[in-house]
Structures are given as C-alpha cells and as structure tokens.
Amino acid sequence: MTSLDTLTDEVFGKRGTAKRDAMENRLKEEVDAYFVGEAIRKMRQAQNITQEELGKRVGVQKAQISRLEKGKSIITLPTMSRIFQALGVTTASLDLGIGGKVALW
C-alpha cells in the first residue's frame, strides 16, 4: 500500500518544487471558484431568480452563470461585483489579515 502523500510526491514532486506549487495553486483556485459559485447559486435560488434572469441583470449569458455556479470558471472581481450587486449585496470587502480590509464595492 502506498500513501497518498507518497503518490503526490511522485507525481507532482516534493513540496516547494515548481510543479508541486503550480498544482497546489491550481487546486486552491478551483476550490475557491467552487465556494464562490455555491454562494452565487444559494443567493440566486433564495431569491427565486433563474440563471437566465441573473445573466440578463449582469449582462452575461445563462451559460456563464451556470459555469460560475459550478466552479468551472474563475470569476473576475468586476464580474463578481456585478453578480453580487444584482443579487442585492450592496457592499463587500476583502480581508487581508494584518493588512486590514479593502472595500471591493
């Protein structure tokens, strides 16, 4: 039996190598995209808005809303702003830890 850590090291390299860092960064982006998509979907459904209607409010196609909700597309800050404002989120901030909070919109 081989451990997952050993297999990961064999396939992507040890921690700190360029290949391993790239894989871990890509995985983090995908996880973040999933959670943002879930937030969009939950807020949209709570307001009984279809993907098509949200897309019209934002100025994108229904397919783009679907991809974002599934975490299949990385969302840009301008698009995130338009979507959440269309869902009634009037302010948002980014917590930078010791750097403080930055207003996004």
N, C-alpha and C. Protein backbone atom coordinates (compact mmCIF):
# COMPACT_ATOMS: atom_id res chain seq x y z
N MET A 1 0.84 -1.18 0.00
CA MET A 1 0.00 0.00 0.00
C MET A 1 0.89 1.25 0.00
N THR A 2 0.60 2.18 -0.87
CA THR A 2 1.35 3.43 -0.95
C THR A 2 0.46 4.56 -0.46
N SER A 3 1.01 5.45 0.35
CA SER A 3 0.21 6.54 0.90
C SER A 3 -0.06 7.60 -0.17
N LEU A 4 -1.10 8.38 0.04
CA LEU A 4 -1.43 9.47 -0.87
C LEU A 4 -0.31 10.49 -0.93
N ASP A 5 0.30 10.80 0.20
CA ASP A 5 1.43 11.75 0.23
C ASP A 5 2.58 11.27 -0.65
N THR A 6 2.88 9.98 -0.57
CA THR A 6 3.97 9.42 -1.37
C THR A 6 3.64 9.51 -2.86
N LEU A 7 2.41 9.16 -3.24
CA LEU A 7 1.99 9.24 -4.64
C LEU A 7 2.01 10.68 -5.14
N THR A 8 1.53 11.60 -4.32
CA THR A 8 1.53 13.01 -4.70
C THR A 8 2.95 13.50 -4.93
N ASP A 9 3.86 13.12 -4.03
CA ASP A 9 5.27 13.49 -4.20
C ASP A 9 5.84 12.91 -5.50
N GLU A 10 5.49 11.67 -5.82
CA GLU A 10 6.00 11.03 -7.02
C GLU A 10 5.46 11.69 -8.29
N VAL A 11 4.19 12.05 -8.29
CA VAL A 11 3.57 12.61 -9.50
C VAL A 11 3.87 14.10 -9.66
N PHE A 12 3.78 14.87 -8.57
CA PHE A 12 3.91 16.33 -8.65
C PHE A 12 5.21 16.87 -8.06
N GLY A 13 5.99 16.02 -7.46
CA GLY A 13 7.22 16.47 -6.83
C GLY A 13 7.00 16.80 -5.37
N LYS A 14 8.10 17.00 -4.68
CA LYS A 14 8.03 17.33 -3.25
C LYS A 14 7.52 18.76 -3.07
N ARG A 15 7.01 19.04 -1.88
CA ARG A 15 6.56 20.40 -1.55
C ARG A 15 7.69 21.39 -1.79
N GLY A 16 7.34 22.53 -2.37
CA GLY A 16 8.33 23.56 -2.63
C GLY A 16 8.90 23.53 -4.04
N THR A 17 8.61 22.46 -4.79
CA THR A 17 9.08 22.42 -6.18
C THR A 17 8.07 23.17 -7.06
N ALA A 18 8.53 23.64 -8.20
CA ALA A 18 7.68 24.44 -9.09
C ALA A 18 6.44 23.67 -9.54
N LYS A 19 6.61 22.41 -9.91
CA LYS A 19 5.48 21.61 -10.38
C LYS A 19 4.45 21.40 -9.27
N ARG A 20 4.93 21.11 -8.07
CA ARG A 20 4.02 20.90 -6.93
C ARG A 20 3.30 22.19 -6.56
N ASP A 21 4.05 23.31 -6.52
CA ASP A 21 3.43 24.60 -6.20
C ASP A 21 2.36 24.97 -7.21
N ALA A 22 2.63 24.72 -8.50
CA ALA A 22 1.66 25.02 -9.54
C ALA A 22 0.39 24.20 -9.36
N MET A 23 0.55 22.91 -9.05
CA MET A 23 -0.61 22.05 -8.83
C MET A 23 -1.42 22.52 -7.63
N GLU A 24 -0.74 22.85 -6.53
CA GLU A 24 -1.45 23.28 -5.33
C GLU A 24 -2.14 24.62 -5.55
N ASN A 25 -1.52 25.53 -6.29
CA ASN A 25 -2.16 26.82 -6.59
C ASN A 25 -3.39 26.62 -7.46
N ARG A 26 -3.28 25.75 -8.46
CA ARG A 26 -4.42 25.46 -9.34
C ARG A 26 -5.56 24.84 -8.53
N LEU A 27 -5.25 23.93 -7.63
CA LEU A 27 -6.25 23.29 -6.80
C LEU A 27 -6.93 24.32 -5.90
N LYS A 28 -6.17 25.23 -5.31
CA LYS A 28 -6.75 26.27 -4.46
C LYS A 28 -7.69 27.17 -5.26
N GLU A 29 -7.30 27.54 -6.48
CA GLU A 29 -8.16 28.36 -7.33
C GLU A 29 -9.47 27.65 -7.63
N GLU A 30 -9.39 26.35 -7.90
CA GLU A 30 -10.60 25.59 -8.20
C GLU A 30 -11.51 25.48 -6.99
N VAL A 31 -10.94 25.29 -5.81
CA VAL A 31 -11.74 25.21 -4.59
C VAL A 31 -12.39 26.57 -4.30
N ASP A 32 -11.62 27.64 -4.45
CA ASP A 32 -12.18 28.98 -4.24
C ASP A 32 -13.32 29.25 -5.23
N ALA A 33 -13.14 28.87 -6.50
CA ALA A 33 -14.17 29.07 -7.52
C ALA A 33 -15.44 28.29 -7.14
N TYR A 34 -15.27 27.10 -6.60
CA TYR A 34 -16.41 26.30 -6.18
C TYR A 34 -17.21 27.01 -5.08
N PHE A 35 -16.51 27.53 -4.07
CA PHE A 35 -17.20 28.19 -2.96
C PHE A 35 -17.88 29.49 -3.38
N VAL A 36 -17.26 30.25 -4.26
CA VAL A 36 -17.91 31.47 -4.77
C VAL A 36 -19.14 31.07 -5.57
N GLY A 37 -19.02 30.05 -6.40
CA GLY A 37 -20.16 29.56 -7.18
C GLY A 37 -21.31 29.10 -6.31
N GLU A 38 -20.98 28.40 -5.24
CA GLU A 38 -22.02 27.96 -4.30
C GLU A 38 -22.75 29.16 -3.68
N ALA A 39 -22.00 30.19 -3.33
CA ALA A 39 -22.61 31.39 -2.74
C ALA A 39 -23.55 32.05 -3.74
N ILE A 40 -23.12 32.15 -4.98
CA ILE A 40 -23.97 32.74 -6.02
C ILE A 40 -25.25 31.92 -6.18
N ARG A 41 -25.10 30.60 -6.32
CA ARG A 41 -26.25 29.73 -6.52
C ARG A 41 -27.24 29.82 -5.36
N LYS A 42 -26.74 29.77 -4.13
CA LYS A 42 -27.63 29.83 -2.96
C LYS A 42 -28.38 31.14 -2.89
N MET A 43 -27.68 32.25 -3.14
CA MET A 43 -28.36 33.56 -3.10
C MET A 43 -29.38 33.67 -4.23
N ARG A 44 -29.02 33.20 -5.40
CA ARG A 44 -29.94 33.27 -6.55
C ARG A 44 -31.19 32.45 -6.28
N GLN A 45 -31.01 31.23 -5.81
CA GLN A 45 -32.15 30.36 -5.53
C GLN A 45 -33.01 30.89 -4.39
N ALA A 46 -32.39 31.49 -3.38
CA ALA A 46 -33.15 32.05 -2.26
C ALA A 46 -34.08 33.17 -2.73
N GLN A 47 -33.68 33.84 -3.82
CA GLN A 47 -34.49 34.93 -4.36
C GLN A 47 -35.38 34.48 -5.52
N ASN A 48 -35.39 33.16 -5.78
CA ASN A 48 -36.18 32.59 -6.87
C ASN A 48 -35.89 33.25 -8.22
N ILE A 49 -34.62 33.44 -8.49
CA ILE A 49 -34.17 34.02 -9.75
C ILE A 49 -33.56 32.91 -10.59
N THR A 50 -33.90 32.84 -11.86
CA THR A 50 -33.29 31.85 -12.74
C THR A 50 -31.89 32.29 -13.14
N GLN A 51 -31.11 31.35 -13.62
CA GLN A 51 -29.78 31.69 -14.13
C GLN A 51 -29.90 32.67 -15.30
N GLU A 52 -30.91 32.45 -16.13
CA GLU A 52 -31.12 33.34 -17.27
C GLU A 52 -31.41 34.77 -16.82
N GLU A 53 -32.27 34.92 -15.81
CA GLU A 53 -32.61 36.25 -15.31
C GLU A 53 -31.38 36.92 -14.69
N LEU A 54 -30.62 36.18 -13.91
CA LEU A 54 -29.42 36.76 -13.32
C LEU A 54 -28.44 37.17 -14.41
N GLY A 55 -28.31 36.34 -15.42
CA GLY A 55 -27.44 36.67 -16.54
C GLY A 55 -27.86 37.96 -17.22
N LYS A 56 -29.15 38.15 -17.41
CA LYS A 56 -29.66 39.39 -18.02
C LYS A 56 -29.34 40.60 -17.14
N ARG A 57 -29.51 40.45 -15.85
CA ARG A 57 -29.22 41.55 -14.93
C ARG A 57 -27.74 41.95 -14.96
N VAL A 58 -26.89 40.96 -15.17
CA VAL A 58 -25.44 41.17 -15.11
C VAL A 58 -24.87 41.50 -16.48
N GLY A 59 -25.55 41.06 -17.53
CA GLY A 59 -25.06 41.28 -18.88
C GLY A 59 -24.19 40.15 -19.41
N VAL A 60 -24.47 38.93 -18.92
CA VAL A 60 -23.76 37.75 -19.42
C VAL A 60 -24.79 36.69 -19.79
N GLN A 61 -24.34 35.69 -20.50
CA GLN A 61 -25.22 34.59 -20.91
C GLN A 61 -25.51 33.67 -19.72
N LYS A 62 -26.64 32.96 -19.80
CA LYS A 62 -27.01 31.97 -18.80
C LYS A 62 -25.89 30.94 -18.62
N ALA A 63 -25.25 30.55 -19.72
CA ALA A 63 -24.18 29.55 -19.66
C ALA A 63 -23.03 30.02 -18.76
N GLN A 64 -22.73 31.32 -18.78
CA GLN A 64 -21.66 31.85 -17.93
C GLN A 64 -22.06 31.75 -16.46
N ILE A 65 -23.30 32.07 -16.14
CA ILE A 65 -23.78 31.94 -14.76
C ILE A 65 -23.69 30.48 -14.33
N SER A 66 -24.08 29.57 -15.20
CA SER A 66 -24.02 28.14 -14.89
C SER A 66 -22.58 27.71 -14.62
N ARG A 67 -21.63 28.11 -15.47
CA ARG A 67 -20.23 27.75 -15.26
C ARG A 67 -19.70 28.31 -13.94
N LEU A 68 -20.06 29.56 -13.63
CA LEU A 68 -19.60 30.17 -12.39
C LEU A 68 -20.17 29.43 -11.18
N GLU A 69 -21.46 29.10 -11.22
CA GLU A 69 -22.08 28.40 -10.10
C GLU A 69 -21.49 27.02 -9.88
N LYS A 70 -21.04 26.38 -10.94
CA LYS A 70 -20.44 25.04 -10.83
C LYS A 70 -18.96 25.11 -10.49
N GLY A 71 -18.40 26.33 -10.42
CA GLY A 71 -16.98 26.47 -10.14
C GLY A 71 -16.11 26.10 -11.32
N LYS A 72 -16.69 26.11 -12.52
CA LYS A 72 -15.96 25.71 -13.72
C LYS A 72 -15.27 26.89 -14.41
N SER A 73 -15.43 28.07 -13.84
CA SER A 73 -14.85 29.27 -14.43
C SER A 73 -14.35 30.15 -13.29
N ILE A 74 -13.16 30.69 -13.46
CA ILE A 74 -12.61 31.61 -12.46
C ILE A 74 -13.28 32.96 -12.66
N ILE A 75 -13.83 33.51 -11.60
CA ILE A 75 -14.57 34.77 -11.68
C ILE A 75 -13.62 35.94 -11.46
N THR A 76 -13.80 36.98 -12.25
CA THR A 76 -13.02 38.20 -12.06
C THR A 76 -13.72 39.09 -11.04
N LEU A 77 -12.98 40.01 -10.43
CA LEU A 77 -13.60 40.91 -9.46
C LEU A 77 -14.71 41.76 -10.08
N PRO A 78 -14.54 42.32 -11.28
CA PRO A 78 -15.64 43.09 -11.87
C PRO A 78 -16.90 42.26 -12.07
N THR A 79 -16.75 41.02 -12.53
CA THR A 79 -17.92 40.16 -12.72
C THR A 79 -18.54 39.80 -11.38
N MET A 80 -17.70 39.49 -10.40
CA MET A 80 -18.21 39.18 -9.06
C MET A 80 -19.00 40.35 -8.51
N SER A 81 -18.47 41.54 -8.69
CA SER A 81 -19.15 42.75 -8.22
C SER A 81 -20.53 42.88 -8.87
N ARG A 82 -20.58 42.73 -10.20
CA ARG A 82 -21.87 42.87 -10.90
C ARG A 82 -22.87 41.81 -10.46
N ILE A 83 -22.40 40.57 -10.28
CA ILE A 83 -23.31 39.49 -9.88
C ILE A 83 -23.86 39.73 -8.49
N PHE A 84 -22.98 40.00 -7.53
CA PHE A 84 -23.46 40.16 -6.16
C PHE A 84 -24.30 41.42 -6.00
N GLN A 85 -23.96 42.48 -6.73
CA GLN A 85 -24.81 43.68 -6.68
C GLN A 85 -26.18 43.37 -7.28
N ALA A 86 -26.23 42.58 -8.35
CA ALA A 86 -27.51 42.18 -8.94
C ALA A 86 -28.32 41.32 -7.98
N LEU A 87 -27.64 40.65 -7.06
CA LEU A 87 -28.32 39.83 -6.05
C LEU A 87 -28.61 40.61 -4.78
N GLY A 88 -28.30 41.91 -4.77
CA GLY A 88 -28.65 42.76 -3.64
C GLY A 88 -27.56 42.95 -2.60
N VAL A 89 -26.34 42.46 -2.88
CA VAL A 89 -25.23 42.68 -1.96
C VAL A 89 -24.64 44.04 -2.30
N THR A 90 -24.89 45.02 -1.44
CA THR A 90 -24.52 46.40 -1.76
C THR A 90 -23.08 46.74 -1.41
N THR A 91 -22.47 46.01 -0.48
CA THR A 91 -21.07 46.27 -0.13
C THR A 91 -20.36 44.94 0.10
N ALA A 92 -19.07 44.95 -0.15
CA ALA A 92 -18.25 43.77 0.11
C ALA A 92 -16.83 44.24 0.37
N SER A 93 -16.12 43.47 1.18
CA SER A 93 -14.73 43.81 1.46
C SER A 93 -13.87 42.56 1.44
N LEU A 94 -12.61 42.77 1.20
CA LEU A 94 -11.63 41.71 1.16
C LEU A 94 -10.79 41.81 2.43
N ASP A 95 -10.75 40.74 3.21
CA ASP A 95 -9.97 40.73 4.45
C ASP A 95 -8.54 40.32 4.13
N LEU A 96 -7.61 41.23 4.32
CA LEU A 96 -6.20 40.99 4.04
C LEU A 96 -5.42 40.62 5.30
N GLY A 97 -6.12 40.19 6.33
CA GLY A 97 -5.44 39.83 7.58
C GLY A 97 -4.79 41.04 8.23
N ILE A 98 -3.50 40.98 8.47
CA ILE A 98 -2.83 42.10 9.12
C ILE A 98 -2.81 43.35 8.25
N GLY A 99 -3.08 43.20 6.96
CA GLY A 99 -3.14 44.34 6.04
C GLY A 99 -4.45 45.10 6.13
N GLY A 100 -5.41 44.57 6.90
CA GLY A 100 -6.70 45.23 7.05
C GLY A 100 -7.70 44.77 6.01
N LYS A 101 -8.80 45.52 5.90
CA LYS A 101 -9.86 45.17 4.94
C LYS A 101 -9.87 46.23 3.85
N VAL A 102 -10.18 45.78 2.65
CA VAL A 102 -10.27 46.65 1.49
C VAL A 102 -11.68 46.54 0.93
N ALA A 103 -12.35 47.70 0.73
CA ALA A 103 -13.68 47.70 0.14
C ALA A 103 -13.57 47.32 -1.34
N LEU A 104 -14.41 46.36 -1.76
CA LEU A 104 -14.43 45.95 -3.15
C LEU A 104 -15.45 46.73 -3.96
N TRP A 105 -16.58 47.04 -3.33
CA TRP A 105 -17.62 47.87 -3.94
C TRP A 105 -18.52 48.39 -2.88
